[in-house]
Amino acid sequence: MTTDRATAEREAAGAAGVEVAPVAGHIGAEIHGVDLTEGLDAAQVAAVRAAVLRWKVVFFRGQRLDHAQHVALARLFGEPVVLPRRGKVSPAGFPEVETTADRLELGGRFGMEHDEWLRRRRHTLLRGWHCDHGARVDPPAFTILRAETVPPYGGDTTWSNLAAAYAGLSAPMRAFVDGLRAEHRLGVGYQPRPGDDAYVRHLLDHQIATVHPLVRVHPETGERVLFVNGYYVEQIAGLSRPESAAVLELLLEQATRPEYTVRFRWEPGSVAFWDNRATVHLAPSDNAHLAHPRTMHRVMLAGDVPTGVDGTLSEAVVGSEPGRW
């Protein structure tokens, strides 16, 4: 970002009464001076949006939003996604809100207890890093997540800046990955249970896969973003499987280098608002053994079909089409 642009954004935020306080060198800022329960005026919306685009994820503290206020906040920044299927603890009457409560959601799902579920899904140490619904042809643009109940310790979420990760590659590597495409698929790396597996049947019935550019051009900032994650990416098109595996490992390690990340300690009433097009995040895995609930509510905003460096759009393989969930 140029000095003039950064100065203009700071002045605009100050005029709107919004204080943007960066918390890490490449990603993450806390926002003060606004009460989300009262809504935001046009100047505040512009200041918050600019902060999200600049810092990729922003955090608010002490915001006791209810479901209606959460949805109203999201509508200021785009069109909330209505999921055709939500978790069993999601609120009735608010189809835009999905509630995640790991101990309630995962235990017993598809015939597996919590520990087995995680063990079969996470086949590599980087498996948990993901963007929301990245296997779709039009992944969400933004996600707004609020905390209702959190453990007294553990349960942090970490985000990484994929634009900074791309910029940190060497010039020859950037030139190489600019022209590549990769298949993103639901259920990548899952280890099936012996015999009948209810989750495999679920995947076959609800499979989603898309060929995305490995580097996407951000539709608002123009930045080149390393569009890779450990949760959905199956195979780099045109490379052999060993070549693909080696390149993906390199890129995933690049995407999640500590200097490109920020880690957030949740409190009841905390809100995180992130650019799903320019980040990956890591859900916590250090609280599964704790006897404390962690209940979060999420609203996602509709996104566009990613565009590669050469102008080529992502192509759906199966299971999704733009604008239809």
C-alpha atoms as a PDB file:
ATOM      1  CA  MET A   1       0.000   0.000   0.000  1.00  0.00           C
ATOM      2  CA  THR A   2       1.314   3.464  -0.866  1.00  0.00           C
ATOM      3  CA  THR A   3       1.960   6.039   1.860  1.00  0.00           C
ATOM      4  CA  ASP A   4      -0.657   8.395   0.382  1.00  0.00           C
ATOM      5  CA  ARG A   5      -3.329   5.690   0.370  1.00  0.00           C
ATOM      6  CA  ALA A   6      -2.531   4.602   3.920  1.00  0.00           C
ATOM      7  CA  THR A   7      -2.690   8.214   5.101  1.00  0.00           C
ATOM      8  CA  ALA A   8      -6.021   8.749   3.351  1.00  0.00           C
ATOM      9  CA  GLU A   9      -7.467   5.634   4.974  1.00  0.00           C
ATOM     10  CA  ARG A  10      -6.300   6.692   8.439  1.00  0.00           C
ATOM     11  CA  GLU A  11      -7.817  10.138   7.961  1.00  0.00           C
ATOM     12  CA  ALA A  12     -11.120   8.645   6.746  1.00  0.00           C
ATOM     13  CA  ALA A  13     -11.256   6.254   9.696  1.00  0.00           C
ATOM     14  CA  GLY A  14     -10.511   9.077  12.123  1.00  0.00           C
ATOM     15  CA  ALA A  15     -13.229  11.248  10.644  1.00  0.00           C
ATOM     16  CA  ALA A  16     -15.692   8.376  11.130  1.00  0.00           C
ATOM     17  CA  GLY A  17     -14.670   7.939  14.766  1.00  0.00           C
ATOM     18  CA  VAL A  18     -13.145   4.548  13.999  1.00  0.00           C
ATOM     19  CA  GLU A  19      -9.787   3.635  15.506  1.00  0.00           C
ATOM     20  CA  VAL A  20      -7.863   0.939  13.616  1.00  0.00           C
ATOM     21  CA  ALA A  21      -5.057  -0.566  15.705  1.00  0.00           C
ATOM     22  CA  PRO A  22      -2.870  -3.099  13.836  1.00  0.00           C
ATOM     23  CA  VAL A  23      -1.840  -6.089  15.941  1.00  0.00           C
ATOM     24  CA  ALA A  24       0.673  -7.876  13.666  1.00  0.00           C
ATOM     25  CA  GLY A  25       3.013  -6.862  10.888  1.00  0.00           C
ATOM     26  CA  HIS A  26       1.148  -8.330   7.914  1.00  0.00           C
ATOM     27  CA  ILE A  27      -2.359  -9.084   9.100  1.00  0.00           C
ATOM     28  CA  GLY A  28      -4.903  -8.236  11.759  1.00  0.00           C
ATOM     29  CA  ALA A  29      -6.197  -5.077  13.426  1.00  0.00           C
ATOM     30  CA  GLU A  30      -8.462  -4.315  16.359  1.00  0.00           C
ATOM     31  CA  ILE A  31     -11.196  -1.744  15.753  1.00  0.00           C
ATOM     32  CA  HIS A  32     -12.342   0.591  18.504  1.00  0.00           C
ATOM     33  CA  GLY A  33     -14.837   3.421  18.650  1.00  0.00           C
ATOM     34  CA  VAL A  34     -17.905   1.631  17.279  1.00  0.00           C
ATOM     35  CA  ASP A  35     -20.855  -0.159  18.841  1.00  0.00           C
ATOM     36  CA  LEU A  36     -21.964  -2.840  16.398  1.00  0.00           C
ATOM     37  CA  THR A  37     -25.264  -3.317  18.228  1.00  0.00           C
ATOM     38  CA  GLU A  38     -26.300   0.201  17.177  1.00  0.00           C
ATOM     39  CA  GLY A  39     -25.378  -0.280  13.537  1.00  0.00           C
ATOM     40  CA  LEU A  40     -22.847   1.699  11.497  1.00  0.00           C
ATOM     41  CA  ASP A  41     -23.290   4.841   9.440  1.00  0.00           C
ATOM     42  CA  ALA A  42     -21.974   5.103   5.885  1.00  0.00           C
ATOM     43  CA  ALA A  43     -18.633   6.594   6.923  1.00  0.00           C
ATOM     44  CA  GLN A  44     -18.080   3.866   9.507  1.00  0.00           C
ATOM     45  CA  VAL A  45     -18.979   1.138   7.007  1.00  0.00           C
ATOM     46  CA  ALA A  46     -16.424   2.571   4.564  1.00  0.00           C
ATOM     47  CA  ALA A  47     -13.756   2.777   7.269  1.00  0.00           C
ATOM     48  CA  VAL A  48     -14.334  -0.795   8.462  1.00  0.00           C
ATOM     49  CA  ARG A  49     -14.384  -2.142   4.917  1.00  0.00           C
ATOM     50  CA  ALA A  50     -11.103  -0.365   4.136  1.00  0.00           C
ATOM     51  CA  ALA A  51      -9.579  -1.856   7.299  1.00  0.00           C
ATOM     52  CA  VAL A  52     -10.697  -5.369   6.354  1.00  0.00           C
ATOM     53  CA  LEU A  53      -9.239  -5.017   2.856  1.00  0.00           C
ATOM     54  CA  ARG A  54      -5.990  -3.606   4.240  1.00  0.00           C
ATOM     55  CA  TRP A  55      -5.500  -5.903   7.266  1.00  0.00           C
ATOM     56  CA  LYS A  56      -7.476  -8.950   5.984  1.00  0.00           C
ATOM     57  CA  VAL A  57      -9.066  -9.623   9.387  1.00  0.00           C
ATOM     58  CA  VAL A  58     -10.297  -7.144  11.983  1.00  0.00           C
ATOM     59  CA  PHE A  59     -11.432  -7.735  15.555  1.00  0.00           C
ATOM     60  CA  PHE A  60     -14.029  -6.100  17.774  1.00  0.00           C
ATOM     61  CA  ARG A  61     -14.301  -6.617  21.539  1.00  0.00           C
ATOM     62  CA  GLY A  62     -17.300  -6.467  23.845  1.00  0.00           C
ATOM     63  CA  GLN A  63     -19.989  -6.568  21.140  1.00  0.00           C
ATOM     64  CA  ARG A  64     -23.081  -8.345  22.480  1.00  0.00           C
ATOM     65  CA  LEU A  65     -24.856  -8.882  19.165  1.00  0.00           C
ATOM     66  CA  ASP A  66     -27.958 -10.991  18.892  1.00  0.00           C
ATOM     67  CA  HIS A  67     -28.757 -12.962  15.732  1.00  0.00           C
ATOM     68  CA  ALA A  68     -30.813 -10.172  14.142  1.00  0.00           C
ATOM     69  CA  GLN A  69     -28.099  -7.581  14.778  1.00  0.00           C
ATOM     70  CA  HIS A  70     -25.470  -9.954  13.403  1.00  0.00           C
ATOM     71  CA  VAL A  71     -27.391 -10.366  10.142  1.00  0.00           C
ATOM     72  CA  ALA A  72     -28.072  -6.620   9.924  1.00  0.00           C
ATOM     73  CA  LEU A  73     -24.360  -5.903  10.345  1.00  0.00           C
ATOM     74  CA  ALA A  74     -23.485  -8.355   7.584  1.00  0.00           C
ATOM     75  CA  ARG A  75     -25.987  -6.752   5.192  1.00  0.00           C
ATOM     76  CA  LEU A  76     -24.069  -3.483   5.414  1.00  0.00           C
ATOM     77  CA  PHE A  77     -21.180  -5.185   3.624  1.00  0.00           C
ATOM     78  CA  GLY A  78     -22.861  -7.560   1.164  1.00  0.00           C
ATOM     79  CA  GLU A  79     -25.476 -10.255   0.704  1.00  0.00           C
ATOM     80  CA  PRO A  80     -25.555 -12.912   3.431  1.00  0.00           C
ATOM     81  CA  VAL A  81     -25.370 -16.523   2.268  1.00  0.00           C
ATOM     82  CA  VAL A  82     -28.290 -18.779   3.146  1.00  0.00           C
ATOM     83  CA  LEU A  83     -27.006 -22.318   3.561  1.00  0.00           C
ATOM     84  CA  PRO A  84     -29.304 -25.150   2.454  1.00  0.00           C
ATOM     85  CA  ARG A  85     -27.943 -27.285   5.310  1.00  0.00           C
ATOM     86  CA  ARG A  86     -26.779 -25.992   8.670  1.00  0.00           C
ATOM     87  CA  GLY A  87     -25.529 -27.560  11.865  1.00  0.00           C
ATOM     88  CA  LYS A  88     -28.122 -28.922  14.247  1.00  0.00           C
ATOM     89  CA  VAL A  89     -27.582 -26.176  16.838  1.00  0.00           C
ATOM     90  CA  SER A  90     -28.033 -23.280  14.372  1.00  0.00           C
ATOM     91  CA  PRO A  91     -30.884 -20.905  15.289  1.00  0.00           C
ATOM     92  CA  ALA A  92     -34.337 -21.301  13.801  1.00  0.00           C
ATOM     93  CA  GLY A  93     -35.676 -18.179  12.129  1.00  0.00           C
ATOM     94  CA  PHE A  94     -32.239 -16.910  11.084  1.00  0.00           C
ATOM     95  CA  PRO A  95     -31.190 -18.937   8.023  1.00  0.00           C
ATOM     96  CA  GLU A  96     -28.164 -16.678   7.467  1.00  0.00           C
ATOM     97  CA  VAL A  97     -26.629 -17.681  10.821  1.00  0.00           C
ATOM     98  CA  GLU A  98     -24.713 -20.914  11.258  1.00  0.00           C
ATOM     99  CA  THR A  99     -23.789 -21.901  14.783  1.00  0.00           C
ATOM    100  CA  THR A 100     -20.721 -24.026  15.404  1.00  0.00           C
ATOM    101  CA  ALA A 101     -20.341 -25.790  18.726  1.00  0.00           C
ATOM    102  CA  ASP A 102     -17.653 -28.420  18.241  1.00  0.00           C
ATOM    103  CA  ARG A 103     -18.488 -30.606  21.206  1.00  0.00           C
ATOM    104  CA  LEU A 104     -22.159 -30.630  20.165  1.00  0.00           C
ATOM    105  CA  GLU A 105     -21.640 -30.797  16.412  1.00  0.00           C
ATOM    106  CA  LEU A 106     -18.915 -33.366  15.877  1.00  0.00           C
ATOM    107  CA  GLY A 107     -19.510 -35.894  18.634  1.00  0.00           C
ATOM    108  CA  GLY A 108     -21.547 -38.752  17.164  1.00  0.00           C
ATOM    109  CA  ARG A 109     -21.739 -37.223  13.686  1.00  0.00           C
ATOM    110  CA  PHE A 110     -21.550 -39.853  10.938  1.00  0.00           C
ATOM    111  CA  GLY A 111     -21.108 -42.464  13.661  1.00  0.00           C
ATOM    112  CA  MET A 112     -17.796 -41.051  14.903  1.00  0.00           C
ATOM    113  CA  GLU A 113     -16.887 -39.440  18.176  1.00  0.00           C
ATOM    114  CA  HIS A 114     -15.051 -36.123  18.204  1.00  0.00           C
ATOM    115  CA  ASP A 115     -11.490 -37.471  18.380  1.00  0.00           C
ATOM    116  CA  GLU A 116     -11.965 -40.007  15.594  1.00  0.00           C
ATOM    117  CA  TRP A 117     -13.654 -37.424  13.389  1.00  0.00           C
ATOM    118  CA  LEU A 118     -10.697 -35.054  13.640  1.00  0.00           C
ATOM    119  CA  ARG A 119      -8.136 -37.840  13.269  1.00  0.00           C
ATOM    120  CA  ARG A 120      -9.661 -39.127  10.033  1.00  0.00           C
ATOM    121  CA  ARG A 121     -10.008 -35.648   8.523  1.00  0.00           C
ATOM    122  CA  ARG A 122      -6.601 -34.234   9.404  1.00  0.00           C
ATOM    123  CA  HIS A 123      -4.118 -36.251   7.400  1.00  0.00           C
ATOM    124  CA  THR A 124      -1.355 -33.610   7.510  1.00  0.00           C
ATOM    125  CA  LEU A 125      -0.290 -30.992  10.042  1.00  0.00           C
ATOM    126  CA  LEU A 126      -1.475 -28.254   7.663  1.00  0.00           C
ATOM    127  CA  ARG A 127      -4.862 -29.887   6.967  1.00  0.00           C
ATOM    128  CA  GLY A 128      -6.805 -27.555   9.249  1.00  0.00           C
ATOM    129  CA  TRP A 129      -5.863 -24.381   7.342  1.00  0.00           C
ATOM    130  CA  HIS A 130      -8.747 -23.378   5.089  1.00  0.00           C
ATOM    131  CA  CYS A 131     -10.887 -20.644   3.635  1.00  0.00           C
ATOM    132  CA  ASP A 132     -14.633 -20.988   4.080  1.00  0.00           C
ATOM    133  CA  HIS A 133     -16.297 -23.144   1.390  1.00  0.00           C
ATOM    134  CA  GLY A 134     -13.238 -23.018  -0.859  1.00  0.00           C
ATOM    135  CA  ALA A 135     -14.409 -25.991  -2.931  1.00  0.00           C
ATOM    136  CA  ARG A 136     -17.272 -23.899  -4.313  1.00  0.00           C
ATOM    137  CA  VAL A 137     -16.924 -22.082  -7.610  1.00  0.00           C
ATOM    138  CA  ASP A 138     -17.795 -18.838  -5.765  1.00  0.00           C
ATOM    139  CA  PRO A 139     -16.414 -18.989  -2.223  1.00  0.00           C
ATOM    140  CA  PRO A 140     -17.777 -16.393   0.215  1.00  0.00           C
ATOM    141  CA  ALA A 141     -16.201 -12.950   0.052  1.00  0.00           C
ATOM    142  CA  PHE A 142     -16.276 -12.250   3.781  1.00  0.00           C
ATOM    143  CA  THR A 143     -17.058 -14.026   7.034  1.00  0.00           C
ATOM    144  CA  ILE A 144     -18.251 -12.401  10.253  1.00  0.00           C
ATOM    145  CA  LEU A 145     -17.856 -14.671  13.276  1.00  0.00           C
ATOM    146  CA  ARG A 146     -18.968 -13.825  16.805  1.00  0.00           C
ATOM    147  CA  ALA A 147     -18.246 -15.622  20.048  1.00  0.00           C
ATOM    148  CA  GLU A 148     -21.023 -16.475  22.485  1.00  0.00           C
ATOM    149  CA  THR A 149     -19.277 -18.911  24.829  1.00  0.00           C
ATOM    150  CA  VAL A 150     -15.556 -19.624  24.880  1.00  0.00           C
ATOM    151  CA  PRO A 151     -13.285 -21.668  27.140  1.00  0.00           C
ATOM    152  CA  PRO A 152     -11.255 -19.756  29.745  1.00  0.00           C
ATOM    153  CA  TYR A 153      -8.119 -20.832  27.880  1.00  0.00           C
ATOM    154  CA  GLY A 154      -7.481 -22.450  24.495  1.00  0.00           C
ATOM    155  CA  GLY A 155      -9.692 -22.156  21.462  1.00  0.00           C
ATOM    156  CA  ASP A 156      -7.797 -19.357  19.676  1.00  0.00           C
ATOM    157  CA  THR A 157      -8.153 -18.887  15.904  1.00  0.00           C
ATOM    158  CA  THR A 158      -5.239 -18.024  13.605  1.00  0.00           C
ATOM    159  CA  TRP A 159      -5.399 -16.301  10.208  1.00  0.00           C
ATOM    160  CA  SER A 160      -2.779 -15.922   7.481  1.00  0.00           C
ATOM    161  CA  ASN A 161      -2.437 -13.223   4.801  1.00  0.00           C
ATOM    162  CA  LEU A 162      -2.296 -14.963   1.406  1.00  0.00           C
ATOM    163  CA  ALA A 163      -1.403 -11.774  -0.464  1.00  0.00           C
ATOM    164  CA  ALA A 164       1.667 -11.311   1.735  1.00  0.00           C
ATOM    165  CA  ALA A 165       2.511 -15.003   1.314  1.00  0.00           C
ATOM    166  CA  TYR A 166       2.408 -14.657  -2.479  1.00  0.00           C
ATOM    167  CA  ALA A 167       4.520 -11.485  -2.400  1.00  0.00           C
ATOM    168  CA  GLY A 168       7.050 -13.314  -0.227  1.00  0.00           C
ATOM    169  CA  LEU A 169       7.753 -15.936  -2.888  1.00  0.00           C
ATOM    170  CA  SER A 170      10.798 -15.484  -5.101  1.00  0.00           C
ATOM    171  CA  ALA A 171      10.212 -13.948  -8.523  1.00  0.00           C
ATOM    172  CA  PRO A 172      10.831 -17.243 -10.410  1.00  0.00           C
ATOM    173  CA  MET A 173       8.396 -19.075  -8.119  1.00  0.00           C
ATOM    174  CA  ARG A 174       5.745 -16.380  -8.549  1.00  0.00           C
ATOM    175  CA  ALA A 175       6.101 -16.657 -12.322  1.00  0.00           C
ATOM    176  CA  PHE A 176       5.735 -20.448 -12.077  1.00  0.00           C
ATOM    177  CA  VAL A 177       2.604 -20.525  -9.913  1.00  0.00           C
ATOM    178  CA  ASP A 178       0.903 -17.628 -11.745  1.00  0.00           C
ATOM    179  CA  GLY A 179      -0.084 -19.965 -14.568  1.00  0.00           C
ATOM    180  CA  LEU A 180      -1.178 -22.994 -12.525  1.00  0.00           C
ATOM    181  CA  ARG A 181      -4.631 -24.230 -11.575  1.00  0.00           C
ATOM    182  CA  ALA A 182      -5.643 -26.677  -8.887  1.00  0.00           C
ATOM    183  CA  GLU A 183      -8.663 -28.775  -8.015  1.00  0.00           C
ATOM    184  CA  HIS A 184     -10.325 -27.969  -4.698  1.00  0.00           C
ATOM    185  CA  ARG A 185     -12.543 -30.797  -3.479  1.00  0.00           C
ATOM    186  CA  LEU A 186     -14.635 -31.511  -0.414  1.00  0.00           C
ATOM    187  CA  GLY A 187     -13.244 -34.356   1.711  1.00  0.00           C
ATOM    188  CA  VAL A 188      -9.630 -34.219   0.523  1.00  0.00           C
ATOM    189  CA  GLY A 189      -7.379 -36.534   2.515  1.00  0.00           C
ATOM    190  CA  TYR A 190     -10.161 -38.096   4.567  1.00  0.00           C
ATOM    191  CA  GLN A 191      -9.282 -41.598   5.776  1.00  0.00           C
ATOM    192  CA  PRO A 192     -12.378 -43.839   5.387  1.00  0.00           C
ATOM    193  CA  ARG A 193     -13.508 -46.135   8.154  1.00  0.00           C
ATOM    194  CA  PRO A 194     -13.305 -49.888   7.487  1.00  0.00           C
ATOM    195  CA  GLY A 195     -16.510 -51.194   5.946  1.00  0.00           C
ATOM    196  CA  ASP A 196     -19.436 -48.849   5.552  1.00  0.00           C
ATOM    197  CA  ASP A 197     -18.601 -45.179   6.144  1.00  0.00           C
ATOM    198  CA  ALA A 198     -21.475 -42.718   6.523  1.00  0.00           C
ATOM    199  CA  TYR A 199     -19.234 -39.724   5.806  1.00  0.00           C
ATOM    200  CA  VAL A 200     -18.025 -41.228   2.513  1.00  0.00           C
ATOM    201  CA  ARG A 201     -21.653 -41.727   1.516  1.00  0.00           C
ATOM    202  CA  HIS A 202     -22.331 -38.121   2.472  1.00  0.00           C
ATOM    203  CA  LEU A 203     -19.407 -36.939   0.309  1.00  0.00           C
ATOM    204  CA  LEU A 204     -20.652 -38.932  -2.667  1.00  0.00           C
ATOM    205  CA  ASP A 205     -24.149 -37.496  -2.265  1.00  0.00           C
ATOM    206  CA  HIS A 206     -23.004 -33.899  -1.717  1.00  0.00           C
ATOM    207  CA  GLN A 207     -19.676 -33.673  -3.535  1.00  0.00           C
ATOM    208  CA  ILE A 208     -18.340 -30.233  -4.408  1.00  0.00           C
ATOM    209  CA  ALA A 209     -15.248 -29.652  -6.560  1.00  0.00           C
ATOM    210  CA  THR A 210     -13.867 -26.704  -8.519  1.00  0.00           C
ATOM    211  CA  VAL A 211     -10.729 -25.985 -10.531  1.00  0.00           C
ATOM    212  CA  HIS A 212      -9.411 -22.659  -9.220  1.00  0.00           C
ATOM    213  CA  PRO A 213      -6.376 -20.605 -10.266  1.00  0.00           C
ATOM    214  CA  LEU A 214      -3.495 -21.220  -7.897  1.00  0.00           C
ATOM    215  CA  VAL A 215      -3.052 -17.440  -7.827  1.00  0.00           C
ATOM    216  CA  ARG A 216      -6.217 -15.344  -7.884  1.00  0.00           C
ATOM    217  CA  VAL A 217      -6.469 -11.608  -8.469  1.00  0.00           C
ATOM    218  CA  HIS A 218      -8.379  -9.926  -5.667  1.00  0.00           C
ATOM    219  CA  PRO A 219     -11.440  -8.233  -7.181  1.00  0.00           C
ATOM    220  CA  GLU A 220     -11.238  -5.141  -4.938  1.00  0.00           C
ATOM    221  CA  THR A 221      -7.562  -4.569  -4.156  1.00  0.00           C
ATOM    222  CA  GLY A 222      -6.010  -6.019  -7.321  1.00  0.00           C
ATOM    223  CA  GLU A 223      -3.527  -7.968  -5.194  1.00  0.00           C
ATOM    224  CA  ARG A 224      -2.328 -11.380  -6.301  1.00  0.00           C
ATOM    225  CA  VAL A 225      -3.325 -13.956  -3.711  1.00  0.00           C
ATOM    226  CA  LEU A 226      -1.837 -17.422  -3.218  1.00  0.00           C
ATOM    227  CA  PHE A 227      -5.088 -19.404  -3.405  1.00  0.00           C
ATOM    228  CA  VAL A 228      -4.058 -22.546  -1.581  1.00  0.00           C
ATOM    229  CA  ASN A 229      -5.083 -24.303   1.616  1.00  0.00           C
ATOM    230  CA  GLY A 230      -4.686 -27.636   3.363  1.00  0.00           C
ATOM    231  CA  TYR A 231      -8.362 -28.493   3.567  1.00  0.00           C
ATOM    232  CA  TYR A 232      -9.654 -28.549  -0.001  1.00  0.00           C
ATOM    233  CA  VAL A 233      -6.760 -28.618  -2.484  1.00  0.00           C
ATOM    234  CA  GLU A 234      -6.558 -31.985  -4.245  1.00  0.00           C
ATOM    235  CA  GLN A 235      -4.220 -31.727  -7.208  1.00  0.00           C
ATOM    236  CA  ILE A 236      -2.399 -29.120  -9.301  1.00  0.00           C
ATOM    237  CA  ALA A 237      -3.566 -29.535 -12.873  1.00  0.00           C
ATOM    238  CA  GLY A 238      -0.919 -30.592 -15.381  1.00  0.00           C
ATOM    239  CA  LEU A 239       1.553 -31.848 -12.766  1.00  0.00           C
ATOM    240  CA  SER A 240       2.160 -35.450 -11.808  1.00  0.00           C
ATOM    241  CA  ARG A 241       0.934 -36.459  -8.343  1.00  0.00           C
ATOM    242  CA  PRO A 242       4.459 -36.444  -6.833  1.00  0.00           C
ATOM    243  CA  GLU A 243       5.198 -33.055  -8.415  1.00  0.00           C
ATOM    244  CA  SER A 244       1.856 -31.701  -7.242  1.00  0.00           C
ATOM    245  CA  ALA A 245       2.364 -32.959  -3.690  1.00  0.00           C
ATOM    246  CA  ALA A 246       5.822 -31.383  -3.464  1.00  0.00           C
ATOM    247  CA  VAL A 247       4.683 -28.015  -4.831  1.00  0.00           C
ATOM    248  CA  LEU A 248       1.580 -27.937  -2.628  1.00  0.00           C
ATOM    249  CA  GLU A 249       3.646 -28.701   0.474  1.00  0.00           C
ATOM    250  CA  LEU A 250       6.015 -25.855  -0.374  1.00  0.00           C
ATOM    251  CA  LEU A 251       3.163 -23.426  -0.998  1.00  0.00           C
ATOM    252  CA  LEU A 252       1.233 -24.428   2.116  1.00  0.00           C
ATOM    253  CA  GLU A 253       4.319 -23.929   4.245  1.00  0.00           C
ATOM    254  CA  GLN A 254       4.773 -20.526   2.622  1.00  0.00           C
ATOM    255  CA  ALA A 255       1.123 -19.598   3.159  1.00  0.00           C
ATOM    256  CA  THR A 256       1.252 -20.397   6.877  1.00  0.00           C
ATOM    257  CA  ARG A 257       4.654 -18.980   7.825  1.00  0.00           C
ATOM    258  CA  PRO A 258       4.354 -17.349  11.258  1.00  0.00           C
ATOM    259  CA  GLU A 259       5.264 -13.871  10.005  1.00  0.00           C
ATOM    260  CA  TYR A 260       2.159 -13.822   7.796  1.00  0.00           C
ATOM    261  CA  THR A 261      -0.208 -14.809  10.612  1.00  0.00           C
ATOM    262  CA  VAL A 262      -2.143 -13.378  13.525  1.00  0.00           C
ATOM    263  CA  ARG A 263      -3.640 -15.308  16.456  1.00  0.00           C
ATOM    264  CA  PHE A 264      -6.770 -14.111  18.253  1.00  0.00           C
ATOM    265  CA  ARG A 265      -7.783 -14.808  21.851  1.00  0.00           C
ATOM    266  CA  TRP A 266     -11.570 -14.968  21.910  1.00  0.00           C
ATOM    267  CA  GLU A 267     -13.778 -13.529  24.646  1.00  0.00           C
ATOM    268  CA  PRO A 268     -17.582 -13.633  24.891  1.00  0.00           C
ATOM    269  CA  GLY A 269     -18.783 -10.804  22.642  1.00  0.00           C
ATOM    270  CA  SER A 270     -15.704 -10.826  20.394  1.00  0.00           C
ATOM    271  CA  VAL A 271     -16.303 -10.452  16.652  1.00  0.00           C
ATOM    272  CA  ALA A 272     -13.870 -11.299  13.851  1.00  0.00           C
ATOM    273  CA  PHE A 273     -14.533  -9.996  10.333  1.00  0.00           C
ATOM    274  CA  TRP A 274     -12.256 -11.327   7.611  1.00  0.00           C
ATOM    275  CA  ASP A 275     -11.695 -11.285   3.881  1.00  0.00           C
ATOM    276  CA  ASN A 276     -12.224 -14.910   2.872  1.00  0.00           C
ATOM    277  CA  ARG A 277     -10.677 -14.219  -0.546  1.00  0.00           C
ATOM    278  CA  ALA A 278      -7.288 -13.218   0.875  1.00  0.00           C
ATOM    279  CA  THR A 279      -6.877 -15.381   3.965  1.00  0.00           C
ATOM    280  CA  VAL A 280      -6.849 -18.889   5.307  1.00  0.00           C
ATOM    281  CA  HIS A 281      -7.591 -19.585   8.950  1.00  0.00           C
ATOM    282  CA  LEU A 282      -6.912 -22.396  11.375  1.00  0.00           C
ATOM    283  CA  ALA A 283      -9.674 -23.567  13.641  1.00  0.00           C
ATOM    284  CA  PRO A 284      -8.392 -24.485  17.117  1.00  0.00           C
ATOM    285  CA  SER A 285      -7.477 -28.037  18.038  1.00  0.00           C
ATOM    286  CA  ASP A 286      -6.209 -27.400  21.561  1.00  0.00           C
ATOM    287  CA  ASN A 287      -9.607 -27.321  23.258  1.00  0.00           C
ATOM    288  CA  ALA A 288     -11.156 -30.667  22.268  1.00  0.00           C
ATOM    289  CA  HIS A 289     -10.041 -32.262  25.536  1.00  0.00           C
ATOM    290  CA  LEU A 290     -11.272 -29.384  27.696  1.00  0.00           C
ATOM    291  CA  ALA A 291     -14.596 -29.623  29.509  1.00  0.00           C
ATOM    292  CA  HIS A 292     -15.585 -26.139  28.375  1.00  0.00           C
ATOM    293  CA  PRO A 293     -18.042 -25.200  25.611  1.00  0.00           C
ATOM    294  CA  ARG A 294     -17.067 -23.073  22.624  1.00  0.00           C
ATOM    295  CA  THR A 295     -20.102 -21.716  20.789  1.00  0.00           C
ATOM    296  CA  MET A 296     -19.662 -19.406  17.797  1.00  0.00           C
ATOM    297  CA  HIS A 297     -22.081 -17.867  15.280  1.00  0.00           C
ATOM    298  CA  ARG A 298     -21.109 -17.229  11.651  1.00  0.00           C
ATOM    299  CA  VAL A 299     -22.565 -15.193   8.799  1.00  0.00           C
ATOM    300  CA  MET A 300     -20.879 -15.350   5.382  1.00  0.00           C
ATOM    301  CA  LEU A 301     -21.273 -12.902   2.505  1.00  0.00           C
ATOM    302  CA  ALA A 302     -21.680 -13.994  -1.088  1.00  0.00           C
ATOM    303  CA  GLY A 303     -18.539 -13.891  -3.219  1.00  0.00           C
ATOM    304  CA  ASP A 304     -17.555 -13.894  -6.862  1.00  0.00           C
ATOM    305  CA  VAL A 305     -15.945 -16.494  -9.128  1.00  0.00           C
ATOM    306  CA  PRO A 306     -12.143 -16.182  -8.728  1.00  0.00           C
ATOM    307  CA  THR A 307     -10.098 -14.834 -11.615  1.00  0.00           C
ATOM    308  CA  GLY A 308      -6.550 -15.934 -12.370  1.00  0.00           C
ATOM    309  CA  VAL A 309      -3.596 -13.797 -13.403  1.00  0.00           C
ATOM    310  CA  ASP A 310      -4.363 -14.539 -17.070  1.00  0.00           C
ATOM    311  CA  GLY A 311      -8.023 -13.545 -16.642  1.00  0.00           C
ATOM    312  CA  THR A 312      -9.319 -17.121 -16.653  1.00  0.00           C
ATOM    313  CA  LEU A 313     -12.177 -17.821 -14.257  1.00  0.00           C
ATOM    314  CA  SER A 314     -12.554 -20.788 -11.920  1.00  0.00           C
ATOM    315  CA  GLU A 315     -14.560 -23.688 -13.344  1.00  0.00           C
ATOM    316  CA  ALA A 316     -16.994 -25.819 -11.387  1.00  0.00           C
ATOM    317  CA  VAL A 317     -16.446 -29.567 -11.681  1.00  0.00           C
ATOM    318  CA  VAL A 318     -19.438 -30.691  -9.631  1.00  0.00           C
ATOM    319  CA  GLY A 319     -21.764 -29.509  -6.904  1.00  0.00           C
ATOM    320  CA  SER A 320     -21.880 -25.705  -7.153  1.00  0.00           C
ATOM    321  CA  GLU A 321     -22.797 -22.867  -9.452  1.00  0.00           C
ATOM    322  CA  PRO A 322     -22.400 -19.112  -8.978  1.00  0.00           C
ATOM    323  CA  GLY A 323     -24.956 -17.539  -6.694  1.00  0.00           C
ATOM    324  CA  ARG A 324     -26.794 -20.758  -5.844  1.00  0.00           C
ATOM    325  CA  TRP A 325     -26.224 -22.427  -2.479  1.00  0.00           C
END
